Amino acid sequence: MKHISFEIGGQTALLGQDEMSETIALQANGRDAYDAGVKTAFSNINEVPQAPANTGMMASTRITTPDGVRRIDELSIGDVVMDAQGRQAQVRHVLSTNAPRNSFLIRAPYFGLTHDVVFAPDQKIVVTSDIAEYLFGEETVIVPVWALNDGRKVGHYETRSSDRMYQLQLDTPEAVAVGRCAVSALYKDGATQGRVLSVEEARCFAGEYRTGFAN
Protein backbone atom coordinates (compact mmCIF):
# COMPACT_ATOMS: atom_id res chain seq x y z
CA MET A 1 0.00 0.00 0.00
CA LYS A 2 1.27 3.47 -0.86
CA HIS A 3 1.55 5.76 2.19
CA ILE A 4 1.32 9.54 2.09
CA SER A 5 2.58 11.50 5.09
CA PHE A 6 1.68 14.97 6.32
CA GLU A 7 1.77 16.90 9.58
CA ILE A 8 -1.07 17.68 12.02
CA GLY A 9 -0.17 19.69 15.09
CA GLY A 10 3.53 19.05 14.55
CA GLN A 11 3.08 15.28 14.34
CA THR A 12 3.55 13.25 11.18
CA ALA A 13 0.54 11.23 10.04
CA LEU A 14 0.58 8.36 7.56
CA LEU A 15 -2.52 7.89 5.41
CA GLY A 16 -3.39 4.26 4.88
CA GLN A 17 -2.81 3.20 8.46
CA ASP A 18 -6.04 2.55 10.35
CA GLU A 19 -4.77 3.60 13.76
CA MET A 20 -3.38 6.92 12.54
CA SER A 21 -6.48 7.54 10.43
CA GLU A 22 -8.66 7.23 13.51
CA THR A 23 -6.36 9.67 15.33
CA ILE A 24 -6.78 12.14 12.47
CA ALA A 25 -10.55 11.72 12.62
CA LEU A 26 -10.54 12.36 16.36
CA GLN A 27 -8.49 15.53 15.91
CA ALA A 28 -10.83 16.66 13.15
CA ASN A 29 -13.61 16.40 15.72
CA GLY A 30 -11.61 18.53 18.15
CA ARG A 31 -10.61 15.56 20.33
CA ASP A 32 -7.23 14.19 21.33
CA ALA A 33 -8.44 10.87 22.75
CA TYR A 34 -11.44 8.58 22.75
CA ASP A 35 -14.45 9.41 24.89
CA ALA A 36 -17.02 6.81 25.91
CA GLY A 37 -19.77 6.52 23.34
CA VAL A 38 -17.97 8.65 20.74
CA LYS A 39 -17.37 7.24 17.28
CA THR A 40 -14.88 8.72 14.88
CA ALA A 41 -16.14 10.11 11.57
CA PHE A 42 -13.68 9.90 8.70
CA SER A 43 -15.62 12.13 6.31
CA ASN A 44 -17.12 14.64 8.74
CA ILE A 45 -15.17 17.71 7.63
CA ASN A 46 -16.97 18.30 4.34
CA GLU A 47 -19.95 16.03 4.93
CA VAL A 48 -23.32 17.59 4.15
CA PRO A 49 -25.16 17.97 7.48
CA GLN A 50 -28.64 16.65 8.11
CA ALA A 51 -31.22 19.12 9.39
CA PRO A 52 -33.36 18.00 12.35
CA ALA A 53 -36.76 16.70 11.30
CA ASN A 54 -39.60 19.22 10.90
CA THR A 55 -37.33 22.26 10.89
CA GLY A 56 -36.75 25.01 8.36
CA MET A 57 -38.53 27.95 6.80
CA MET A 58 -40.38 28.54 3.55
CA ALA A 59 -38.49 29.44 0.38
CA SER A 60 -39.87 32.99 0.39
CA THR A 61 -38.25 33.78 3.78
CA ARG A 62 -36.04 36.85 3.42
CA ILE A 63 -32.66 36.53 5.15
CA THR A 64 -30.74 39.63 6.19
CA THR A 65 -27.38 40.06 4.40
CA PRO A 66 -24.80 42.87 4.31
CA ASP A 67 -26.28 43.96 0.96
CA GLY A 68 -29.93 43.83 1.96
CA VAL A 69 -32.38 40.93 2.14
CA ARG A 70 -32.36 37.78 0.00
CA ARG A 71 -34.73 34.86 -0.27
CA ILE A 72 -33.37 31.84 1.54
CA ASP A 73 -33.76 29.67 -1.57
CA GLU A 74 -31.45 32.06 -3.46
CA LEU A 75 -28.55 31.56 -1.03
CA SER A 76 -25.70 29.17 -1.70
CA ILE A 77 -22.49 27.95 -0.06
CA GLY A 78 -20.05 30.81 0.59
CA ASP A 79 -22.68 33.57 0.67
CA VAL A 80 -22.51 36.01 3.59
CA VAL A 81 -25.52 36.69 5.82
CA MET A 82 -26.02 38.57 9.06
CA ASP A 83 -26.37 36.79 12.37
CA ALA A 84 -28.67 37.93 15.14
CA GLN A 85 -25.83 39.90 16.78
CA GLY A 86 -25.36 42.04 13.67
CA ARG A 87 -22.17 40.28 12.59
CA GLN A 88 -21.37 38.67 9.27
CA ALA A 89 -21.58 34.89 8.95
CA GLN A 90 -20.77 32.63 6.03
CA VAL A 91 -23.15 29.99 4.72
CA ARG A 92 -21.62 26.51 4.85
CA HIS A 93 -24.64 24.60 3.52
CA VAL A 94 -28.19 25.29 2.34
CA LEU A 95 -30.45 22.33 3.07
CA SER A 96 -33.89 21.72 1.59
CA THR A 97 -36.67 19.28 2.37
CA ASN A 98 -40.40 18.82 1.78
CA ALA A 99 -42.48 21.17 3.90
CA PRO A 100 -44.43 19.54 6.75
CA ARG A 101 -48.14 19.72 5.98
CA ASN A 102 -49.05 21.31 9.31
CA SER A 103 -46.62 24.18 9.60
CA PHE A 104 -47.00 27.55 11.34
CA LEU A 105 -47.27 31.13 10.12
CA ILE A 106 -45.75 33.86 12.29
CA ARG A 107 -47.19 37.24 11.40
CA ALA A 108 -45.07 40.38 11.20
CA PRO A 109 -44.16 42.44 13.14
CA TYR A 110 -44.30 39.92 15.99
CA PHE A 111 -40.99 38.54 17.25
CA GLY A 112 -39.15 41.16 15.20
CA LEU A 113 -40.22 39.87 11.78
CA THR A 114 -40.50 42.37 8.94
CA HIS A 115 -42.65 40.01 6.85
CA ASP A 116 -44.86 36.98 7.50
CA VAL A 117 -42.86 33.74 7.62
CA VAL A 118 -43.98 30.11 7.45
CA PHE A 119 -41.91 27.84 9.69
CA ALA A 120 -41.81 24.09 10.19
CA PRO A 121 -43.29 23.19 13.60
CA ASP A 122 -39.99 22.28 15.28
CA GLN A 123 -38.04 25.23 13.89
CA LYS A 124 -36.68 27.19 16.84
CA ILE A 125 -36.46 30.94 17.33
CA VAL A 126 -34.91 33.00 20.08
CA VAL A 127 -37.54 34.53 22.38
CA THR A 128 -37.14 36.99 25.24
CA SER A 129 -40.08 36.71 27.61
CA ASP A 130 -41.09 37.30 31.22
CA ILE A 131 -42.71 33.85 31.05
CA ALA A 132 -39.34 32.24 30.34
CA GLU A 133 -37.73 34.09 33.23
CA TYR A 134 -40.56 33.02 35.55
CA LEU A 135 -40.42 29.36 34.49
CA PHE A 136 -36.73 28.78 33.85
CA GLY A 137 -34.85 31.66 35.48
CA GLU A 138 -33.61 32.85 32.07
CA GLU A 139 -35.30 35.62 30.13
CA THR A 140 -34.00 34.57 26.71
CA VAL A 141 -34.63 31.01 25.50
CA ILE A 142 -34.79 29.11 22.23
CA VAL A 143 -38.35 27.91 21.60
CA PRO A 144 -39.92 25.67 18.92
CA VAL A 145 -42.47 27.57 16.86
CA TRP A 146 -45.32 25.20 17.78
CA ALA A 147 -45.03 26.36 21.41
CA LEU A 148 -45.84 29.93 20.32
CA ASN A 149 -49.14 29.07 18.65
CA ASP A 150 -51.80 31.40 20.04
CA GLY A 151 -54.07 31.74 17.00
CA ARG A 152 -53.17 35.38 16.53
CA LYS A 153 -49.42 36.04 16.35
CA VAL A 154 -48.77 32.44 15.38
CA GLY A 155 -51.23 30.12 13.69
CA HIS A 156 -51.45 26.87 11.75
CA TYR A 157 -50.54 26.99 8.07
CA GLU A 158 -51.28 24.11 5.69
CA THR A 159 -48.55 23.81 3.08
CA ARG A 160 -48.87 22.41 -0.42
CA SER A 161 -47.17 19.23 -1.61
CA SER A 162 -44.83 21.32 -3.78
CA ASP A 163 -43.66 23.57 -0.93
CA ARG A 164 -40.09 23.27 0.34
CA MET A 165 -38.48 24.19 3.64
CA TYR A 166 -34.94 25.54 3.83
CA GLN A 167 -32.35 25.45 6.60
CA LEU A 168 -28.94 27.12 6.81
CA GLN A 169 -25.71 25.91 8.31
CA LEU A 170 -23.43 28.80 9.28
CA ASP A 171 -19.80 29.11 10.35
CA THR A 172 -20.97 30.62 13.64
CA PRO A 173 -23.09 29.24 16.51
CA GLU A 174 -25.24 32.38 16.47
CA ALA A 175 -28.81 32.52 15.20
CA VAL A 176 -29.45 33.92 11.71
CA ALA A 177 -31.27 37.24 11.31
CA VAL A 178 -34.68 37.25 9.63
CA GLY A 179 -35.50 40.91 10.00
CA ARG A 180 -34.96 41.41 13.73
CA CYS A 181 -36.05 37.86 14.53
CA ALA A 182 -33.28 35.50 15.64
CA VAL A 183 -33.89 32.13 13.97
CA SER A 184 -31.92 29.06 15.02
CA ALA A 185 -29.52 27.81 12.37
CA LEU A 186 -27.26 24.77 12.13
CA TYR A 187 -23.64 24.83 13.25
CA LYS A 188 -20.86 22.29 12.87
CA ASP A 189 -21.37 21.04 16.44
CA GLY A 190 -25.16 21.22 16.46
CA ALA A 191 -27.65 24.08 16.42
CA THR A 192 -27.59 27.66 17.63
CA GLN A 193 -26.00 28.10 21.05
CA GLY A 194 -28.25 29.17 23.90
CA ARG A 195 -30.87 27.88 26.34
CA VAL A 196 -32.82 25.44 24.19
CA LEU A 197 -36.06 24.28 25.80
CA SER A 198 -36.70 20.57 26.05
CA VAL A 199 -40.03 19.21 24.77
CA GLU A 200 -41.48 19.18 28.28
CA GLU A 201 -40.23 22.71 28.98
CA ALA A 202 -41.66 23.89 25.66
CA ARG A 203 -45.06 22.43 26.58
CA CYS A 204 -44.92 24.22 29.92
CA PHE A 205 -43.97 27.46 28.16
CA ALA A 206 -46.79 26.99 25.66
CA GLY A 207 -49.37 26.57 28.43
CA GLU A 208 -48.30 29.74 30.21
CA TYR A 209 -48.01 31.62 26.93
CA ARG A 210 -51.58 30.79 25.85
CA THR A 211 -52.94 31.56 29.32
CA GLY A 212 -51.23 34.94 29.26
CA PHE A 213 -52.79 35.69 25.88
CA ALA A 214 -56.25 34.67 27.08
CA ASN A 215 -55.96 36.88 30.15
C-alpha atoms as a PDB file:
ATOM      1  CA  MET A   1       0.000   0.000   0.000  1.00  0.00           C
ATOM      2  CA  LYS A   2       1.273   3.474  -0.858  1.00  0.00           C
ATOM      3  CA  HIS A   3       1.548   5.757   2.186  1.00  0.00           C
ATOM      4  CA  ILE A   4       1.321   9.541   2.088  1.00  0.00           C
ATOM      5  CA  SER A   5       2.575  11.498   5.093  1.00  0.00           C
ATOM      6  CA  PHE A   6       1.680  14.974   6.318  1.00  0.00           C
ATOM      7  CA  GLU A   7       1.766  16.898   9.583  1.00  0.00           C
ATOM      8  CA  ILE A   8      -1.070  17.679  12.015  1.00  0.00           C
ATOM      9  CA  GLY A   9      -0.171  19.694  15.093  1.00  0.00           C
ATOM     10  CA  GLY A  10       3.531  19.053  14.550  1.00  0.00           C
ATOM     11  CA  GLN A  11       3.078  15.277  14.336  1.00  0.00           C
ATOM     12  CA  THR A  12       3.549  13.252  11.176  1.00  0.00           C
ATOM     13  CA  ALA A  13       0.544  11.228  10.042  1.00  0.00           C
ATOM     14  CA  LEU A  14       0.576   8.357   7.558  1.00  0.00           C
ATOM     15  CA  LEU A  15      -2.522   7.888   5.407  1.00  0.00           C
ATOM     16  CA  GLY A  16      -3.388   4.262   4.876  1.00  0.00           C
ATOM     17  CA  GLN A  17      -2.805   3.196   8.460  1.00  0.00           C
ATOM     18  CA  ASP A  18      -6.042   2.550  10.348  1.00  0.00           C
ATOM     19  CA  GLU A  19      -4.772   3.603  13.763  1.00  0.00           C
ATOM     20  CA  MET A  20      -3.376   6.918  12.540  1.00  0.00           C
ATOM     21  CA  SER A  21      -6.484   7.544  10.426  1.00  0.00           C
ATOM     22  CA  GLU A  22      -8.657   7.234  13.512  1.00  0.00           C
ATOM     23  CA  THR A  23      -6.356   9.667  15.329  1.00  0.00           C
ATOM     24  CA  ILE A  24      -6.778  12.143  12.471  1.00  0.00           C
ATOM     25  CA  ALA A  25     -10.549  11.720  12.618  1.00  0.00           C
ATOM     26  CA  LEU A  26     -10.541  12.356  16.362  1.00  0.00           C
ATOM     27  CA  GLN A  27      -8.492  15.527  15.909  1.00  0.00           C
ATOM     28  CA  ALA A  28     -10.830  16.664  13.145  1.00  0.00           C
ATOM     29  CA  ASN A  29     -13.611  16.395  15.721  1.00  0.00           C
ATOM     30  CA  GLY A  30     -11.606  18.533  18.152  1.00  0.00           C
ATOM     31  CA  ARG A  31     -10.615  15.558  20.326  1.00  0.00           C
ATOM     32  CA  ASP A  32      -7.231  14.186  21.334  1.00  0.00           C
ATOM     33  CA  ALA A  33      -8.437  10.871  22.751  1.00  0.00           C
ATOM     34  CA  TYR A  34     -11.443   8.582  22.755  1.00  0.00           C
ATOM     35  CA  ASP A  35     -14.455   9.409  24.895  1.00  0.00           C
ATOM     36  CA  ALA A  36     -17.017   6.814  25.910  1.00  0.00           C
ATOM     37  CA  GLY A  37     -19.772   6.517  23.344  1.00  0.00           C
ATOM     38  CA  VAL A  38     -17.971   8.649  20.742  1.00  0.00           C
ATOM     39  CA  LYS A  39     -17.368   7.243  17.283  1.00  0.00           C
ATOM     40  CA  THR A  40     -14.875   8.723  14.881  1.00  0.00           C
ATOM     41  CA  ALA A  41     -16.137  10.110  11.575  1.00  0.00           C
ATOM     42  CA  PHE A  42     -13.678   9.899   8.704  1.00  0.00           C
ATOM     43  CA  SER A  43     -15.624  12.128   6.307  1.00  0.00           C
ATOM     44  CA  ASN A  44     -17.124  14.639   8.740  1.00  0.00           C
ATOM     45  CA  ILE A  45     -15.166  17.706   7.630  1.00  0.00           C
ATOM     46  CA  ASN A  46     -16.968  18.296   4.337  1.00  0.00           C
ATOM     47  CA  GLU A  47     -19.950  16.028   4.933  1.00  0.00           C
ATOM     48  CA  VAL A  48     -23.319  17.585   4.149  1.00  0.00           C
ATOM     49  CA  PRO A  49     -25.163  17.966   7.483  1.00  0.00           C
ATOM     50  CA  GLN A  50     -28.637  16.651   8.106  1.00  0.00           C
ATOM     51  CA  ALA A  51     -31.216  19.122   9.394  1.00  0.00           C
ATOM     52  CA  PRO A  52     -33.355  18.003  12.346  1.00  0.00           C
ATOM     53  CA  ALA A  53     -36.760  16.696  11.302  1.00  0.00           C
ATOM     54  CA  ASN A  54     -39.595  19.216  10.899  1.00  0.00           C
ATOM     55  CA  THR A  55     -37.327  22.261  10.888  1.00  0.00           C
ATOM     56  CA  GLY A  56     -36.754  25.006   8.361  1.00  0.00           C
ATOM     57  CA  MET A  57     -38.530  27.953   6.804  1.00  0.00           C
ATOM     58  CA  MET A  58     -40.376  28.542   3.554  1.00  0.00           C
ATOM     59  CA  ALA A  59     -38.490  29.435   0.376  1.00  0.00           C
ATOM     60  CA  SER A  60     -39.872  32.992   0.393  1.00  0.00           C
ATOM     61  CA  THR A  61     -38.246  33.775   3.776  1.00  0.00           C
ATOM     62  CA  ARG A  62     -36.037  36.854   3.421  1.00  0.00           C
ATOM     63  CA  ILE A  63     -32.663  36.528   5.155  1.00  0.00           C
ATOM     64  CA  THR A  64     -30.738  39.633   6.195  1.00  0.00           C
ATOM     65  CA  THR A  65     -27.382  40.059   4.397  1.00  0.00           C
ATOM     66  CA  PRO A  66     -24.801  42.875   4.315  1.00  0.00           C
ATOM     67  CA  ASP A  67     -26.281  43.956   0.963  1.00  0.00           C
ATOM     68  CA  GLY A  68     -29.935  43.827   1.962  1.00  0.00           C
ATOM     69  CA  VAL A  69     -32.378  40.932   2.139  1.00  0.00           C
ATOM     70  CA  ARG A  70     -32.361  37.779   0.002  1.00  0.00           C
ATOM     71  CA  ARG A  71     -34.734  34.860  -0.268  1.00  0.00           C
ATOM     72  CA  ILE A  72     -33.374  31.835   1.542  1.00  0.00           C
ATOM     73  CA  ASP A  73     -33.763  29.666  -1.573  1.00  0.00           C
ATOM     74  CA  GLU A  74     -31.446  32.058  -3.459  1.00  0.00           C
ATOM     75  CA  LEU A  75     -28.552  31.564  -1.033  1.00  0.00           C
ATOM     76  CA  SER A  76     -25.699  29.170  -1.696  1.00  0.00           C
ATOM     77  CA  ILE A  77     -22.491  27.951  -0.056  1.00  0.00           C
ATOM     78  CA  GLY A  78     -20.054  30.811   0.587  1.00  0.00           C
ATOM     79  CA  ASP A  79     -22.678  33.574   0.674  1.00  0.00           C
ATOM     80  CA  VAL A  80     -22.514  36.011   3.586  1.00  0.00           C
ATOM     81  CA  VAL A  81     -25.518  36.685   5.819  1.00  0.00           C
ATOM     82  CA  MET A  82     -26.018  38.574   9.062  1.00  0.00           C
ATOM     83  CA  ASP A  83     -26.374  36.786  12.366  1.00  0.00           C
ATOM     84  CA  ALA A  84     -28.673  37.934  15.144  1.00  0.00           C
ATOM     85  CA  GLN A  85     -25.832  39.898  16.785  1.00  0.00           C
ATOM     86  CA  GLY A  86     -25.358  42.043  13.669  1.00  0.00           C
ATOM     87  CA  ARG A  87     -22.170  40.276  12.594  1.00  0.00           C
ATOM     88  CA  GLN A  88     -21.369  38.675   9.267  1.00  0.00           C
ATOM     89  CA  ALA A  89     -21.580  34.890   8.954  1.00  0.00           C
ATOM     90  CA  GLN A  90     -20.766  32.630   6.035  1.00  0.00           C
ATOM     91  CA  VAL A  91     -23.149  29.990   4.718  1.00  0.00           C
ATOM     92  CA  ARG A  92     -21.623  26.506   4.848  1.00  0.00           C
ATOM     93  CA  HIS A  93     -24.641  24.601   3.519  1.00  0.00           C
ATOM     94  CA  VAL A  94     -28.190  25.285   2.343  1.00  0.00           C
ATOM     95  CA  LEU A  95     -30.450  22.330   3.074  1.00  0.00           C
ATOM     96  CA  SER A  96     -33.885  21.720   1.586  1.00  0.00           C
ATOM     97  CA  THR A  97     -36.673  19.278   2.372  1.00  0.00           C
ATOM     98  CA  ASN A  98     -40.395  18.817   1.781  1.00  0.00           C
ATOM     99  CA  ALA A  99     -42.481  21.168   3.898  1.00  0.00           C
ATOM    100  CA  PRO A 100     -44.426  19.535   6.749  1.00  0.00           C
ATOM    101  CA  ARG A 101     -48.145  19.723   5.976  1.00  0.00           C
ATOM    102  CA  ASN A 102     -49.051  21.309   9.313  1.00  0.00           C
ATOM    103  CA  SER A 103     -46.616  24.183   9.602  1.00  0.00           C
ATOM    104  CA  PHE A 104     -47.001  27.552  11.344  1.00  0.00           C
ATOM    105  CA  LEU A 105     -47.271  31.127  10.116  1.00  0.00           C
ATOM    106  CA  ILE A 106     -45.752  33.857  12.292  1.00  0.00           C
ATOM    107  CA  ARG A 107     -47.192  37.236  11.398  1.00  0.00           C
ATOM    108  CA  ALA A 108     -45.067  40.375  11.200  1.00  0.00           C
ATOM    109  CA  PRO A 109     -44.159  42.436  13.143  1.00  0.00           C
ATOM    110  CA  TYR A 110     -44.297  39.923  15.989  1.00  0.00           C
ATOM    111  CA  PHE A 111     -40.993  38.538  17.246  1.00  0.00           C
ATOM    112  CA  GLY A 112     -39.149  41.157  15.198  1.00  0.00           C
ATOM    113  CA  LEU A 113     -40.218  39.865  11.776  1.00  0.00           C
ATOM    114  CA  THR A 114     -40.500  42.369   8.936  1.00  0.00           C
ATOM    115  CA  HIS A 115     -42.646  40.006   6.846  1.00  0.00           C
ATOM    116  CA  ASP A 116     -44.856  36.981   7.495  1.00  0.00           C
ATOM    117  CA  VAL A 117     -42.859  33.743   7.618  1.00  0.00           C
ATOM    118  CA  VAL A 118     -43.977  30.114   7.449  1.00  0.00           C
ATOM    119  CA  PHE A 119     -41.906  27.839   9.686  1.00  0.00           C
ATOM    120  CA  ALA A 120     -41.810  24.089  10.194  1.00  0.00           C
ATOM    121  CA  PRO A 121     -43.288  23.189  13.602  1.00  0.00           C
ATOM    122  CA  ASP A 122     -39.989  22.276  15.277  1.00  0.00           C
ATOM    123  CA  GLN A 123     -38.044  25.227  13.890  1.00  0.00           C
ATOM    124  CA  LYS A 124     -36.677  27.187  16.836  1.00  0.00           C
ATOM    125  CA  ILE A 125     -36.465  30.939  17.328  1.00  0.00           C
ATOM    126  CA  VAL A 126     -34.911  33.004  20.084  1.00  0.00           C
ATOM    127  CA  VAL A 127     -37.539  34.530  22.375  1.00  0.00           C
ATOM    128  CA  THR A 128     -37.136  36.991  25.240  1.00  0.00           C
ATOM    129  CA  SER A 129     -40.078  36.710  27.607  1.00  0.00           C
ATOM    130  CA  ASP A 130     -41.093  37.299  31.222  1.00  0.00           C
ATOM    131  CA  ILE A 131     -42.707  33.852  31.046  1.00  0.00           C
ATOM    132  CA  ALA A 132     -39.336  32.239  30.337  1.00  0.00           C
ATOM    133  CA  GLU A 133     -37.725  34.088  33.231  1.00  0.00           C
ATOM    134  CA  TYR A 134     -40.563  33.022  35.545  1.00  0.00           C
ATOM    135  CA  LEU A 135     -40.416  29.364  34.489  1.00  0.00           C
ATOM    136  CA  PHE A 136     -36.733  28.781  33.847  1.00  0.00           C
ATOM    137  CA  GLY A 137     -34.846  31.657  35.476  1.00  0.00           C
ATOM    138  CA  GLU A 138     -33.615  32.854  32.075  1.00  0.00           C
ATOM    139  CA  GLU A 139     -35.305  35.622  30.130  1.00  0.00           C
ATOM    140  CA  THR A 140     -34.004  34.565  26.707  1.00  0.00           C
ATOM    141  CA  VAL A 141     -34.632  31.013  25.500  1.00  0.00           C
ATOM    142  CA  ILE A 142     -34.792  29.106  22.231  1.00  0.00           C
ATOM    143  CA  VAL A 143     -38.347  27.913  21.605  1.00  0.00           C
ATOM    144  CA  PRO A 144     -39.917  25.671  18.924  1.00  0.00           C
ATOM    145  CA  VAL A 145     -42.467  27.575  16.859  1.00  0.00           C
ATOM    146  CA  TRP A 146     -45.321  25.195  17.779  1.00  0.00           C
ATOM    147  CA  ALA A 147     -45.034  26.359  21.410  1.00  0.00           C
ATOM    148  CA  LEU A 148     -45.838  29.935  20.320  1.00  0.00           C
ATOM    149  CA  ASN A 149     -49.141  29.066  18.649  1.00  0.00           C
ATOM    150  CA  ASP A 150     -51.804  31.404  20.036  1.00  0.00           C
ATOM    151  CA  GLY A 151     -54.066  31.744  16.995  1.00  0.00           C
ATOM    152  CA  ARG A 152     -53.166  35.381  16.526  1.00  0.00           C
ATOM    153  CA  LYS A 153     -49.424  36.041  16.351  1.00  0.00           C
ATOM    154  CA  VAL A 154     -48.767  32.445  15.381  1.00  0.00           C
ATOM    155  CA  GLY A 155     -51.234  30.123  13.695  1.00  0.00           C
ATOM    156  CA  HIS A 156     -51.455  26.874  11.750  1.00  0.00           C
ATOM    157  CA  TYR A 157     -50.542  26.987   8.066  1.00  0.00           C
ATOM    158  CA  GLU A 158     -51.279  24.113   5.690  1.00  0.00           C
ATOM    159  CA  THR A 159     -48.555  23.815   3.081  1.00  0.00           C
ATOM    160  CA  ARG A 160     -48.866  22.412  -0.420  1.00  0.00           C
ATOM    161  CA  SER A 161     -47.171  19.230  -1.607  1.00  0.00           C
ATOM    162  CA  SER A 162     -44.832  21.318  -3.777  1.00  0.00           C
ATOM    163  CA  ASP A 163     -43.658  23.567  -0.928  1.00  0.00           C
ATOM    164  CA  ARG A 164     -40.093  23.270   0.341  1.00  0.00           C
ATOM    165  CA  MET A 165     -38.477  24.189   3.643  1.00  0.00           C
ATOM    166  CA  TYR A 166     -34.938  25.542   3.830  1.00  0.00           C
ATOM    167  CA  GLN A 167     -32.352  25.447   6.595  1.00  0.00           C
ATOM    168  CA  LEU A 168     -28.939  27.119   6.810  1.00  0.00           C
ATOM    169  CA  GLN A 169     -25.709  25.910   8.312  1.00  0.00           C
ATOM    170  CA  LEU A 170     -23.431  28.796   9.279  1.00  0.00           C
ATOM    171  CA  ASP A 171     -19.800  29.108  10.345  1.00  0.00           C
ATOM    172  CA  THR A 172     -20.974  30.621  13.644  1.00  0.00           C
ATOM    173  CA  PRO A 173     -23.086  29.242  16.512  1.00  0.00           C
ATOM    174  CA  GLU A 174     -25.240  32.381  16.472  1.00  0.00           C
ATOM    175  CA  ALA A 175     -28.806  32.521  15.199  1.00  0.00           C
ATOM    176  CA  VAL A 176     -29.449  33.921  11.709  1.00  0.00           C
ATOM    177  CA  ALA A 177     -31.270  37.242  11.309  1.00  0.00           C
ATOM    178  CA  VAL A 178     -34.679  37.247   9.625  1.00  0.00           C
ATOM    179  CA  GLY A 179     -35.500  40.911   9.996  1.00  0.00           C
ATOM    180  CA  ARG A 180     -34.958  41.408  13.730  1.00  0.00           C
ATOM    181  CA  CYS A 181     -36.048  37.864  14.530  1.00  0.00           C
ATOM    182  CA  ALA A 182     -33.278  35.502  15.636  1.00  0.00           C
ATOM    183  CA  VAL A 183     -33.888  32.128  13.973  1.00  0.00           C
ATOM    184  CA  SER A 184     -31.924  29.065  15.021  1.00  0.00           C
ATOM    185  CA  ALA A 185     -29.520  27.811  12.365  1.00  0.00           C
ATOM    186  CA  LEU A 186     -27.262  24.773  12.133  1.00  0.00           C
ATOM    187  CA  TYR A 187     -23.643  24.832  13.247  1.00  0.00           C
ATOM    188  CA  LYS A 188     -20.856  22.289  12.867  1.00  0.00           C
ATOM    189  CA  ASP A 189     -21.367  21.041  16.441  1.00  0.00           C
ATOM    190  CA  GLY A 190     -25.160  21.219  16.462  1.00  0.00           C
ATOM    191  CA  ALA A 191     -27.649  24.078  16.420  1.00  0.00           C
ATOM    192  CA  THR A 192     -27.588  27.663  17.634  1.00  0.00           C
ATOM    193  CA  GLN A 193     -25.996  28.102  21.051  1.00  0.00           C
ATOM    194  CA  GLY A 194     -28.251  29.172  23.900  1.00  0.00           C
ATOM    195  CA  ARG A 195     -30.865  27.884  26.343  1.00  0.00           C
ATOM    196  CA  VAL A 196     -32.818  25.435  24.194  1.00  0.00           C
ATOM    197  CA  LEU A 197     -36.060  24.282  25.801  1.00  0.00           C
ATOM    198  CA  SER A 198     -36.702  20.569  26.047  1.00  0.00           C
ATOM    199  CA  VAL A 199     -40.026  19.209  24.769  1.00  0.00           C
ATOM    200  CA  GLU A 200     -41.482  19.185  28.280  1.00  0.00           C
ATOM    201  CA  GLU A 201     -40.230  22.707  28.981  1.00  0.00           C
ATOM    202  CA  ALA A 202     -41.663  23.890  25.663  1.00  0.00           C
ATOM    203  CA  ARG A 203     -45.063  22.427  26.578  1.00  0.00           C
ATOM    204  CA  CYS A 204     -44.917  24.218  29.923  1.00  0.00           C
ATOM    205  CA  PHE A 205     -43.965  27.463  28.165  1.00  0.00           C
ATOM    206  CA  ALA A 206     -46.791  26.988  25.657  1.00  0.00           C
ATOM    207  CA  GLY A 207     -49.374  26.574  28.426  1.00  0.00           C
ATOM    208  CA  GLU A 208     -48.296  29.742  30.209  1.00  0.00           C
ATOM    209  CA  TYR A 209     -48.008  31.622  26.925  1.00  0.00           C
ATOM    210  CA  ARG A 210     -51.584  30.793  25.851  1.00  0.00           C
ATOM    211  CA  THR A 211     -52.940  31.561  29.320  1.00  0.00           C
ATOM    212  CA  GLY A 212     -51.233  34.941  29.259  1.00  0.00           C
ATOM    213  CA  PHE A 213     -52.789  35.692  25.880  1.00  0.00           C
ATOM    214  CA  ALA A 214     -56.253  34.674  27.081  1.00  0.00           C
ATOM    215  CA  ASN A 215     -55.955  36.877  30.153  1.00  0.00           C
END
